[in-house]
Amino acid sequence: MASDEDFIKFLVEQMELAGAIRYRKMFGEYAIYCNEKVVALVCDNKLFVKPTEGGRAFIGEVVEAPPYQGAKLSFLIEEQFDDKEWLCELITITEKELPVPKPKKDRNI
């Protein structure tokens, strides 16, 4: 089941105070970016945040699950996404711990 774009727009609005938030449709699901780093995936209308030590400490008792079959485990956020301040804090912590993405190679060379 593909994710609903209205749900994605709601999540992006909830995260807006964490930085420059955008989303991109990928393989029928969505990646959420904060300051150009992929911080979360949305699959089957479920929010999966990339795991970091800071995020783990912030959440406390985490629920981990793969966003899709064969994927690495992520933090499954089931209800807290309704709390805008909490979610923005988690996304801010996550973004700060993730590495800067490598520059994309020019395919025209």
N, C-alpha and C. Protein backbone atom coordinates (compact mmCIF):
# COMPACT_ATOMS: atom_id res chain seq x y z
N MET A 1 0.85 -1.18 0.00
CA MET A 1 0.00 0.00 0.00
C MET A 1 0.89 1.24 0.00
N ALA A 2 0.73 2.09 -0.95
CA ALA A 2 1.52 3.32 -1.04
C ALA A 2 1.04 4.34 -0.01
N SER A 3 1.95 5.21 0.38
CA SER A 3 1.62 6.24 1.36
C SER A 3 0.79 7.35 0.72
N ASP A 4 -0.02 7.97 1.53
CA ASP A 4 -0.91 9.04 1.11
C ASP A 4 -0.16 10.37 1.16
N GLU A 5 -0.18 11.14 0.08
CA GLU A 5 0.55 12.40 0.03
C GLU A 5 0.04 13.40 1.07
N ASP A 6 -1.23 13.34 1.43
CA ASP A 6 -1.74 14.22 2.48
C ASP A 6 -1.06 13.93 3.82
N PHE A 7 -0.78 12.66 4.09
CA PHE A 7 -0.07 12.29 5.32
C PHE A 7 1.36 12.84 5.28
N ILE A 8 2.01 12.77 4.13
CA ILE A 8 3.36 13.30 3.97
C ILE A 8 3.35 14.80 4.23
N LYS A 9 2.42 15.50 3.64
CA LYS A 9 2.32 16.96 3.82
C LYS A 9 2.09 17.30 5.29
N PHE A 10 1.28 16.52 5.99
CA PHE A 10 1.06 16.72 7.42
C PHE A 10 2.37 16.56 8.18
N LEU A 11 3.13 15.49 7.90
CA LEU A 11 4.40 15.25 8.59
C LEU A 11 5.39 16.38 8.33
N VAL A 12 5.48 16.82 7.09
CA VAL A 12 6.40 17.90 6.73
C VAL A 12 6.02 19.17 7.49
N GLU A 13 4.73 19.44 7.59
CA GLU A 13 4.28 20.61 8.36
C GLU A 13 4.64 20.46 9.84
N GLN A 14 4.52 19.26 10.36
CA GLN A 14 4.86 19.01 11.76
C GLN A 14 6.36 19.23 12.02
N MET A 15 7.19 18.99 11.00
CA MET A 15 8.65 19.06 11.15
C MET A 15 9.23 20.42 10.76
N GLU A 16 8.42 21.34 10.32
CA GLU A 16 8.90 22.56 9.68
C GLU A 16 9.87 23.39 10.52
N LEU A 17 9.83 23.29 11.82
CA LEU A 17 10.71 24.09 12.67
C LEU A 17 12.10 23.45 12.84
N ALA A 18 12.29 22.25 12.31
CA ALA A 18 13.56 21.54 12.46
C ALA A 18 14.62 22.00 11.46
N GLY A 19 14.22 22.67 10.40
CA GLY A 19 15.15 23.10 9.37
C GLY A 19 14.44 23.15 8.03
N ALA A 20 15.23 23.10 6.97
CA ALA A 20 14.67 23.10 5.61
C ALA A 20 14.14 21.70 5.31
N ILE A 21 12.84 21.54 5.39
CA ILE A 21 12.20 20.23 5.22
C ILE A 21 11.60 20.14 3.83
N ARG A 22 11.83 19.00 3.19
CA ARG A 22 11.19 18.72 1.91
C ARG A 22 10.99 17.21 1.80
N TYR A 23 10.20 16.80 0.85
CA TYR A 23 10.01 15.36 0.64
C TYR A 23 10.14 15.05 -0.84
N ARG A 24 10.40 13.79 -1.10
CA ARG A 24 10.55 13.33 -2.47
C ARG A 24 9.96 11.93 -2.59
N LYS A 25 9.18 11.74 -3.63
CA LYS A 25 8.59 10.43 -3.88
C LYS A 25 9.66 9.51 -4.46
N MET A 26 9.76 8.34 -3.86
CA MET A 26 10.76 7.36 -4.32
C MET A 26 10.15 5.97 -4.28
N PHE A 27 10.10 5.32 -5.40
CA PHE A 27 9.62 3.94 -5.49
C PHE A 27 8.22 3.77 -4.89
N GLY A 28 7.36 4.75 -5.08
CA GLY A 28 6.00 4.68 -4.57
C GLY A 28 5.85 5.10 -3.13
N GLU A 29 6.96 5.37 -2.45
CA GLU A 29 6.94 5.83 -1.07
C GLU A 29 7.68 7.16 -1.00
N TYR A 30 8.05 7.63 0.18
CA TYR A 30 8.61 8.96 0.31
C TYR A 30 9.84 9.00 1.21
N ALA A 31 10.77 9.87 0.84
CA ALA A 31 11.91 10.22 1.70
C ALA A 31 11.68 11.64 2.18
N ILE A 32 11.98 11.90 3.46
CA ILE A 32 11.87 13.24 4.02
C ILE A 32 13.28 13.74 4.31
N TYR A 33 13.56 14.94 3.83
CA TYR A 33 14.87 15.56 3.96
C TYR A 33 14.80 16.71 4.95
N CYS A 34 15.86 16.87 5.73
CA CYS A 34 16.04 18.04 6.58
C CYS A 34 17.42 18.58 6.26
N ASN A 35 17.48 19.81 5.80
CA ASN A 35 18.76 20.42 5.40
C ASN A 35 19.54 19.53 4.44
N GLU A 36 18.80 18.97 3.49
CA GLU A 36 19.33 18.13 2.40
C GLU A 36 19.88 16.77 2.85
N LYS A 37 19.55 16.35 4.07
CA LYS A 37 19.91 15.01 4.54
C LYS A 37 18.63 14.20 4.68
N VAL A 38 18.64 12.96 4.21
CA VAL A 38 17.47 12.09 4.39
C VAL A 38 17.41 11.72 5.87
N VAL A 39 16.35 12.17 6.54
CA VAL A 39 16.21 11.90 7.96
C VAL A 39 15.13 10.85 8.25
N ALA A 40 14.24 10.63 7.28
CA ALA A 40 13.14 9.70 7.52
C ALA A 40 12.59 9.17 6.21
N LEU A 41 11.93 8.04 6.32
CA LEU A 41 11.18 7.47 5.21
C LEU A 41 9.75 7.30 5.66
N VAL A 42 8.83 7.40 4.73
CA VAL A 42 7.43 7.13 5.01
C VAL A 42 7.02 6.01 4.06
N CYS A 43 6.65 4.89 4.65
CA CYS A 43 6.24 3.72 3.88
C CYS A 43 4.94 3.20 4.48
N ASP A 44 3.97 2.95 3.64
CA ASP A 44 2.66 2.47 4.08
C ASP A 44 2.06 3.37 5.16
N ASN A 45 2.24 4.67 5.00
CA ASN A 45 1.73 5.67 5.95
C ASN A 45 2.29 5.48 7.35
N LYS A 46 3.53 5.02 7.43
CA LYS A 46 4.22 4.89 8.71
C LYS A 46 5.52 5.69 8.62
N LEU A 47 5.86 6.38 9.71
CA LEU A 47 7.06 7.21 9.76
C LEU A 47 8.23 6.43 10.35
N PHE A 48 9.31 6.34 9.59
CA PHE A 48 10.53 5.66 10.01
C PHE A 48 11.66 6.69 10.01
N VAL A 49 12.20 6.98 11.19
CA VAL A 49 13.28 7.95 11.32
C VAL A 49 14.61 7.21 11.37
N LYS A 50 15.60 7.75 10.67
CA LYS A 50 16.92 7.13 10.65
C LYS A 50 17.45 7.02 12.08
N PRO A 51 18.03 5.88 12.42
CA PRO A 51 18.52 5.70 13.79
C PRO A 51 19.83 6.44 14.04
N THR A 52 19.89 7.13 15.18
CA THR A 52 21.11 7.78 15.66
C THR A 52 21.17 7.57 17.16
N GLU A 53 22.35 7.71 17.74
CA GLU A 53 22.49 7.57 19.18
C GLU A 53 21.70 8.65 19.91
N GLY A 54 21.78 9.89 19.42
CA GLY A 54 21.04 10.97 20.03
C GLY A 54 19.54 10.75 19.96
N GLY A 55 19.07 10.25 18.82
CA GLY A 55 17.65 9.96 18.66
C GLY A 55 17.20 8.87 19.62
N ARG A 56 18.03 7.85 19.77
CA ARG A 56 17.72 6.75 20.69
C ARG A 56 17.59 7.28 22.12
N ALA A 57 18.54 8.13 22.53
CA ALA A 57 18.51 8.70 23.87
C ALA A 57 17.28 9.59 24.06
N PHE A 58 16.94 10.36 23.04
CA PHE A 58 15.79 11.26 23.11
C PHE A 58 14.48 10.47 23.22
N ILE A 59 14.33 9.45 22.40
CA ILE A 59 13.08 8.67 22.38
C ILE A 59 12.95 7.84 23.66
N GLY A 60 14.05 7.27 24.09
CA GLY A 60 14.00 6.38 25.25
C GLY A 60 13.73 4.96 24.81
N GLU A 61 12.52 4.52 24.97
CA GLU A 61 12.15 3.16 24.59
C GLU A 61 11.75 3.15 23.12
N VAL A 62 12.69 2.80 22.25
CA VAL A 62 12.43 2.88 20.81
C VAL A 62 11.78 1.60 20.30
N VAL A 63 11.02 1.78 19.25
CA VAL A 63 10.48 0.65 18.48
C VAL A 63 11.22 0.69 17.16
N GLU A 64 11.88 -0.39 16.81
CA GLU A 64 12.63 -0.44 15.56
C GLU A 64 11.97 -1.42 14.60
N ALA A 65 11.96 -1.04 13.34
CA ALA A 65 11.39 -1.88 12.30
C ALA A 65 11.98 -1.44 10.97
N PRO A 66 12.04 -2.35 10.00
CA PRO A 66 12.50 -1.94 8.67
C PRO A 66 11.36 -1.25 7.92
N PRO A 67 11.66 -0.15 7.23
CA PRO A 67 10.59 0.53 6.48
C PRO A 67 10.06 -0.29 5.30
N TYR A 68 10.89 -1.17 4.79
CA TYR A 68 10.48 -2.06 3.70
C TYR A 68 11.33 -3.32 3.80
N GLN A 69 10.90 -4.36 3.14
CA GLN A 69 11.59 -5.65 3.23
C GLN A 69 13.04 -5.51 2.77
N GLY A 70 13.95 -5.97 3.59
CA GLY A 70 15.36 -5.95 3.27
C GLY A 70 16.09 -4.68 3.72
N ALA A 71 15.36 -3.72 4.26
CA ALA A 71 15.96 -2.45 4.71
C ALA A 71 16.54 -2.61 6.12
N LYS A 72 17.47 -1.70 6.45
CA LYS A 72 18.01 -1.64 7.81
C LYS A 72 16.91 -1.14 8.75
N LEU A 73 17.05 -1.45 10.02
CA LEU A 73 16.07 -1.00 11.01
C LEU A 73 16.11 0.51 11.17
N SER A 74 14.95 1.08 11.37
CA SER A 74 14.78 2.51 11.65
C SER A 74 13.89 2.63 12.88
N PHE A 75 13.81 3.85 13.41
CA PHE A 75 12.91 4.10 14.53
C PHE A 75 11.50 4.29 13.98
N LEU A 76 10.59 3.44 14.39
CA LEU A 76 9.19 3.56 13.96
C LEU A 76 8.50 4.51 14.93
N ILE A 77 8.00 5.61 14.39
CA ILE A 77 7.31 6.63 15.18
C ILE A 77 5.82 6.45 14.93
N GLU A 78 5.13 5.91 15.92
CA GLU A 78 3.74 5.53 15.71
C GLU A 78 2.73 6.59 16.12
N GLU A 79 2.95 7.28 17.20
CA GLU A 79 1.95 8.24 17.67
C GLU A 79 2.53 9.62 17.93
N GLN A 80 3.79 9.71 18.27
CA GLN A 80 4.38 10.98 18.68
C GLN A 80 4.42 12.02 17.57
N PHE A 81 4.18 11.65 16.32
CA PHE A 81 4.24 12.64 15.24
C PHE A 81 3.14 13.69 15.38
N ASP A 82 2.17 13.45 16.24
CA ASP A 82 1.14 14.46 16.52
C ASP A 82 1.68 15.59 17.39
N ASP A 83 2.78 15.34 18.09
CA ASP A 83 3.41 16.33 18.97
C ASP A 83 4.50 17.06 18.18
N LYS A 84 4.15 18.24 17.66
CA LYS A 84 5.04 18.98 16.76
C LYS A 84 6.40 19.29 17.41
N GLU A 85 6.40 19.77 18.65
CA GLU A 85 7.66 20.09 19.32
C GLU A 85 8.54 18.87 19.49
N TRP A 86 7.95 17.77 19.90
CA TRP A 86 8.69 16.52 20.10
C TRP A 86 9.29 16.05 18.78
N LEU A 87 8.49 16.05 17.73
CA LEU A 87 8.95 15.57 16.43
C LEU A 87 10.05 16.47 15.87
N CYS A 88 9.89 17.78 16.00
CA CYS A 88 10.93 18.71 15.52
C CYS A 88 12.24 18.48 16.26
N GLU A 89 12.17 18.24 17.56
CA GLU A 89 13.38 17.97 18.34
C GLU A 89 14.05 16.69 17.85
N LEU A 90 13.28 15.64 17.63
CA LEU A 90 13.84 14.37 17.13
C LEU A 90 14.50 14.57 15.78
N ILE A 91 13.85 15.27 14.87
CA ILE A 91 14.39 15.49 13.53
C ILE A 91 15.65 16.35 13.60
N THR A 92 15.66 17.35 14.46
CA THR A 92 16.85 18.20 14.65
C THR A 92 18.03 17.37 15.14
N ILE A 93 17.80 16.54 16.15
CA ILE A 93 18.85 15.67 16.69
C ILE A 93 19.36 14.73 15.61
N THR A 94 18.43 14.13 14.88
CA THR A 94 18.80 13.17 13.83
C THR A 94 19.62 13.84 12.75
N GLU A 95 19.17 14.98 12.26
CA GLU A 95 19.88 15.68 11.18
C GLU A 95 21.29 16.05 11.60
N LYS A 96 21.48 16.49 12.82
CA LYS A 96 22.81 16.89 13.28
C LYS A 96 23.79 15.72 13.32
N GLU A 97 23.29 14.51 13.58
CA GLU A 97 24.18 13.35 13.69
C GLU A 97 24.45 12.65 12.35
N LEU A 98 23.64 12.91 11.36
CA LEU A 98 23.84 12.25 10.07
C LEU A 98 24.94 12.94 9.28
N PRO A 99 25.70 12.17 8.52
CA PRO A 99 26.77 12.77 7.71
C PRO A 99 26.20 13.59 6.56
N VAL A 100 27.00 14.54 6.11
CA VAL A 100 26.63 15.33 4.94
C VAL A 100 26.62 14.40 3.74
N PRO A 101 25.60 14.47 2.89
CA PRO A 101 25.56 13.59 1.72
C PRO A 101 26.74 13.85 0.78
N LYS A 102 27.21 12.78 0.18
CA LYS A 102 28.30 12.92 -0.79
C LYS A 102 27.76 13.63 -2.03
N PRO A 103 28.61 14.47 -2.66
CA PRO A 103 28.15 15.13 -3.89
C PRO A 103 27.85 14.09 -4.97
N LYS A 104 26.81 14.36 -5.73
CA LYS A 104 26.45 13.44 -6.81
C LYS A 104 27.42 13.60 -7.97
N LYS A 105 27.74 12.47 -8.59
CA LYS A 105 28.63 12.49 -9.75
C LYS A 105 27.87 13.01 -10.96
N ASP A 106 28.55 13.77 -11.78
CA ASP A 106 27.96 14.27 -13.02
C ASP A 106 27.90 13.12 -14.02
N ARG A 107 26.71 12.74 -14.39
CA ARG A 107 26.53 11.60 -15.30
C ARG A 107 26.83 11.96 -16.75
N ASN A 108 27.04 13.25 -17.03
CA ASN A 108 27.29 13.68 -18.41
C ASN A 108 28.77 13.62 -18.78
N ILE A 109 29.60 13.19 -17.86
CA ILE A 109 31.04 13.13 -18.17
C ILE A 109 31.37 11.80 -18.80
